[in-house]
Amino acid sequence: MTRRGLLALLFASTLACFGGAARAAVVEIGEPAPELKGTLLSGDPFDLADWRGKVVLVNFYSSYCRLCALEIGTIESAVEQYGARGLVVLMLGVDKLEDKARVARMLGIYNLQGAMVDDLTVTGFQRRYPTPTTYLIDREGIVRERMTGAKAPPRMRELLAPYFPQ
């Protein structure tokens, strides 16, 4: 084997052995939701596991994202409609930490709770997704949907209705 071939084999072996450590977490549909802990912008700690028994939307968004701005009113309406029946929404800002006040102001306008991704203490989710990206977690803590792009009110009702029968 040539020296170049040996180096290529060594490089490929190294990637195979250590590549997984650098790879971002993959959240699988139909599997238990990964760990997620941190501090809300309000200063209160949260742990996704504490919301077991509730339907949870985890929404990765940016205060600079136009599609997120279109969707945020839909999310607020969903909380108004289903919050008393067990819907919890956690907005995770992917903005830079220096934009924390902007994120807090935006969430405050829409009465939504959230945190900054870079402030999370534990996460099995990736730290960055195309925004908006939303995960729907059922009452048993199982990930049921991953949605990218803004959800209009009819789509949001379609997604949530099976979890809140009339």
Protein backbone atom coordinates (compact mmCIF):
# COMPACT_ATOMS: atom_id res chain seq x y z
CA MET A 1 0.00 0.00 0.00
CA THR A 2 1.33 3.45 -0.86
CA ARG A 3 1.98 6.06 1.78
CA ARG A 4 -0.89 8.21 0.41
CA GLY A 5 -3.24 5.19 0.52
CA LEU A 6 -2.21 4.43 4.09
CA LEU A 7 -2.82 8.06 5.14
CA ALA A 8 -6.24 8.02 3.45
CA LEU A 9 -7.14 4.79 5.27
CA LEU A 10 -5.95 6.22 8.59
CA PHE A 11 -7.96 9.41 8.03
CA ALA A 12 -11.12 7.45 7.13
CA SER A 13 -10.68 5.23 10.20
CA THR A 14 -10.27 8.26 12.44
CA LEU A 15 -13.44 9.82 11.06
CA ALA A 16 -15.35 6.58 11.58
CA CYS A 17 -14.19 6.33 15.19
CA PHE A 18 -14.57 9.94 16.25
CA GLY A 19 -17.05 11.40 13.80
CA GLY A 20 -20.02 10.45 15.97
CA ALA A 21 -18.75 12.56 18.86
CA ALA A 22 -18.84 15.67 16.70
CA ARG A 23 -22.19 14.87 15.11
CA ALA A 24 -25.23 16.79 16.35
CA ALA A 25 -28.05 15.02 18.14
CA VAL A 26 -30.79 13.54 15.99
CA VAL A 27 -34.28 13.68 17.44
CA GLU A 28 -36.26 10.70 16.16
CA ILE A 29 -40.01 10.73 15.53
CA GLY A 30 -41.70 8.03 17.62
CA GLU A 31 -38.90 8.00 20.20
CA PRO A 32 -38.79 9.60 23.68
CA ALA A 33 -37.96 13.30 23.65
CA PRO A 34 -34.36 14.04 24.57
CA GLU A 35 -33.39 15.85 27.72
CA LEU A 36 -33.90 19.60 27.73
CA LYS A 37 -33.15 21.80 30.74
CA GLY A 38 -32.32 25.41 31.32
CA THR A 39 -33.55 28.72 32.62
CA LEU A 40 -36.49 30.58 31.12
CA LEU A 41 -36.08 34.24 30.22
CA SER A 42 -38.25 34.91 33.29
CA GLY A 43 -35.47 33.43 35.44
CA ASP A 44 -37.40 30.26 36.33
CA PRO A 45 -35.69 26.90 35.76
CA PHE A 46 -37.37 24.36 33.47
CA ASP A 47 -36.98 20.68 32.69
CA LEU A 48 -38.86 19.15 29.76
CA ALA A 49 -39.35 15.98 31.85
CA ASP A 50 -41.49 18.00 34.31
CA TRP A 51 -44.05 18.57 31.52
CA ARG A 52 -44.76 14.85 31.10
CA GLY A 53 -48.55 14.47 30.91
CA LYS A 54 -48.82 17.62 28.81
CA VAL A 55 -48.57 18.20 25.07
CA VAL A 56 -45.41 20.22 24.41
CA LEU A 57 -44.37 22.31 21.42
CA VAL A 58 -40.65 23.09 21.38
CA ASN A 59 -40.16 25.86 18.84
CA PHE A 60 -36.71 26.94 17.63
CA TYR A 61 -37.00 30.47 16.30
CA SER A 62 -35.13 33.70 15.76
CA SER A 63 -36.30 37.22 16.50
CA TYR A 64 -34.90 38.17 13.09
CA CYS A 65 -36.78 35.48 11.13
CA ARG A 66 -39.73 36.64 8.98
CA LEU A 67 -41.40 33.22 8.96
CA CYS A 68 -41.09 33.12 12.76
CA ALA A 69 -42.81 36.50 12.96
CA LEU A 70 -45.66 35.12 10.83
CA GLU A 71 -45.99 32.03 13.01
CA ILE A 72 -45.73 33.52 16.50
CA GLY A 73 -49.33 34.77 16.56
CA THR A 74 -50.51 31.28 15.59
CA ILE A 75 -48.55 29.83 18.50
CA GLU A 76 -50.01 32.39 20.90
CA SER A 77 -53.52 31.49 19.69
CA ALA A 78 -52.80 27.79 20.22
CA VAL A 79 -51.76 28.49 23.83
CA GLU A 80 -54.93 30.53 24.37
CA GLN A 81 -57.06 27.71 22.93
CA TYR A 82 -55.33 24.66 24.45
CA GLY A 83 -53.17 25.93 27.33
CA ALA A 84 -55.78 25.21 30.01
CA ARG A 85 -56.15 21.68 28.59
CA GLY A 86 -52.46 20.86 28.82
CA LEU A 87 -50.54 22.53 25.98
CA VAL A 88 -47.12 23.89 26.91
CA VAL A 89 -45.05 25.91 24.45
CA LEU A 90 -41.34 26.50 24.86
CA MET A 91 -39.80 29.01 22.46
CA LEU A 92 -36.04 28.57 22.07
CA GLY A 93 -34.26 31.59 20.66
CA VAL A 94 -31.30 30.73 18.45
CA ASP A 95 -30.22 34.37 18.37
CA LYS A 96 -26.86 35.47 19.76
CA LEU A 97 -26.86 36.00 23.52
CA GLU A 98 -26.40 39.74 23.04
CA ASP A 99 -29.88 39.73 21.45
CA LYS A 100 -31.48 38.20 24.56
CA ALA A 101 -33.40 41.40 25.39
CA ARG A 102 -34.85 41.48 21.87
CA VAL A 103 -35.98 37.84 22.20
CA ALA A 104 -37.49 38.49 25.65
CA ARG A 105 -39.35 41.56 24.36
CA MET A 106 -40.79 39.62 21.42
CA LEU A 107 -41.93 36.72 23.59
CA GLY A 108 -43.38 39.14 26.12
CA ILE A 109 -45.57 40.74 23.46
CA TYR A 110 -47.05 37.33 22.67
CA ASN A 111 -47.20 36.02 26.26
CA LEU A 112 -44.96 33.05 25.44
CA GLN A 113 -42.30 31.48 27.62
CA GLY A 114 -38.88 30.82 26.24
CA ALA A 115 -35.16 30.53 26.71
CA MET A 116 -32.02 31.12 24.74
CA VAL A 117 -30.50 28.02 23.15
CA ASP A 118 -27.02 29.09 24.25
CA ASP A 119 -28.26 29.30 27.88
CA LEU A 120 -29.51 25.69 27.98
CA THR A 121 -27.78 23.58 30.63
CA VAL A 122 -28.73 20.21 29.08
CA THR A 123 -30.02 19.49 25.59
CA GLY A 124 -30.39 16.42 23.44
CA PHE A 125 -31.64 18.67 20.64
CA GLN A 126 -29.32 20.42 18.21
CA ARG A 127 -28.50 23.99 19.14
CA ARG A 128 -29.38 25.32 15.71
CA TYR A 129 -32.18 24.45 13.29
CA PRO A 130 -33.60 26.29 10.29
CA THR A 131 -36.11 28.68 11.81
CA PRO A 132 -38.82 28.10 12.61
CA THR A 133 -38.56 24.41 13.50
CA THR A 134 -41.10 22.91 15.89
CA TYR A 135 -41.20 19.57 17.67
CA LEU A 136 -44.50 18.19 18.98
CA ILE A 137 -44.16 15.95 22.04
CA ASP A 138 -47.16 13.98 23.27
CA ARG A 139 -48.34 13.47 26.86
CA GLU A 140 -46.17 10.35 27.22
CA GLY A 141 -43.04 12.29 26.24
CA ILE A 142 -42.79 10.83 22.73
CA VAL A 143 -41.75 13.05 19.80
CA ARG A 144 -44.64 12.87 17.31
CA GLU A 145 -43.85 15.59 14.74
CA ARG A 146 -41.00 17.73 13.43
CA MET A 147 -42.15 20.68 11.37
CA THR A 148 -40.11 23.33 9.61
CA GLY A 149 -41.46 26.59 8.31
CA ALA A 150 -44.29 28.74 9.60
CA LYS A 151 -47.51 26.98 10.55
CA ALA A 152 -50.70 28.87 9.67
CA PRO A 153 -53.68 28.57 12.05
CA PRO A 154 -55.41 25.76 10.07
CA ARG A 155 -52.23 23.66 10.09
CA MET A 156 -51.67 24.27 13.81
CA ARG A 157 -55.26 23.22 14.59
CA GLU A 158 -54.80 20.09 12.45
CA LEU A 159 -51.63 19.17 14.35
CA LEU A 160 -53.04 19.77 17.83
CA ALA A 161 -56.67 18.58 17.45
CA PRO A 162 -55.89 14.85 17.97
CA TYR A 163 -54.33 15.67 21.35
CA PHE A 164 -57.28 17.78 22.52
CA PRO A 165 -60.50 16.01 21.48
CA GLN A 166 -63.72 18.00 21.89
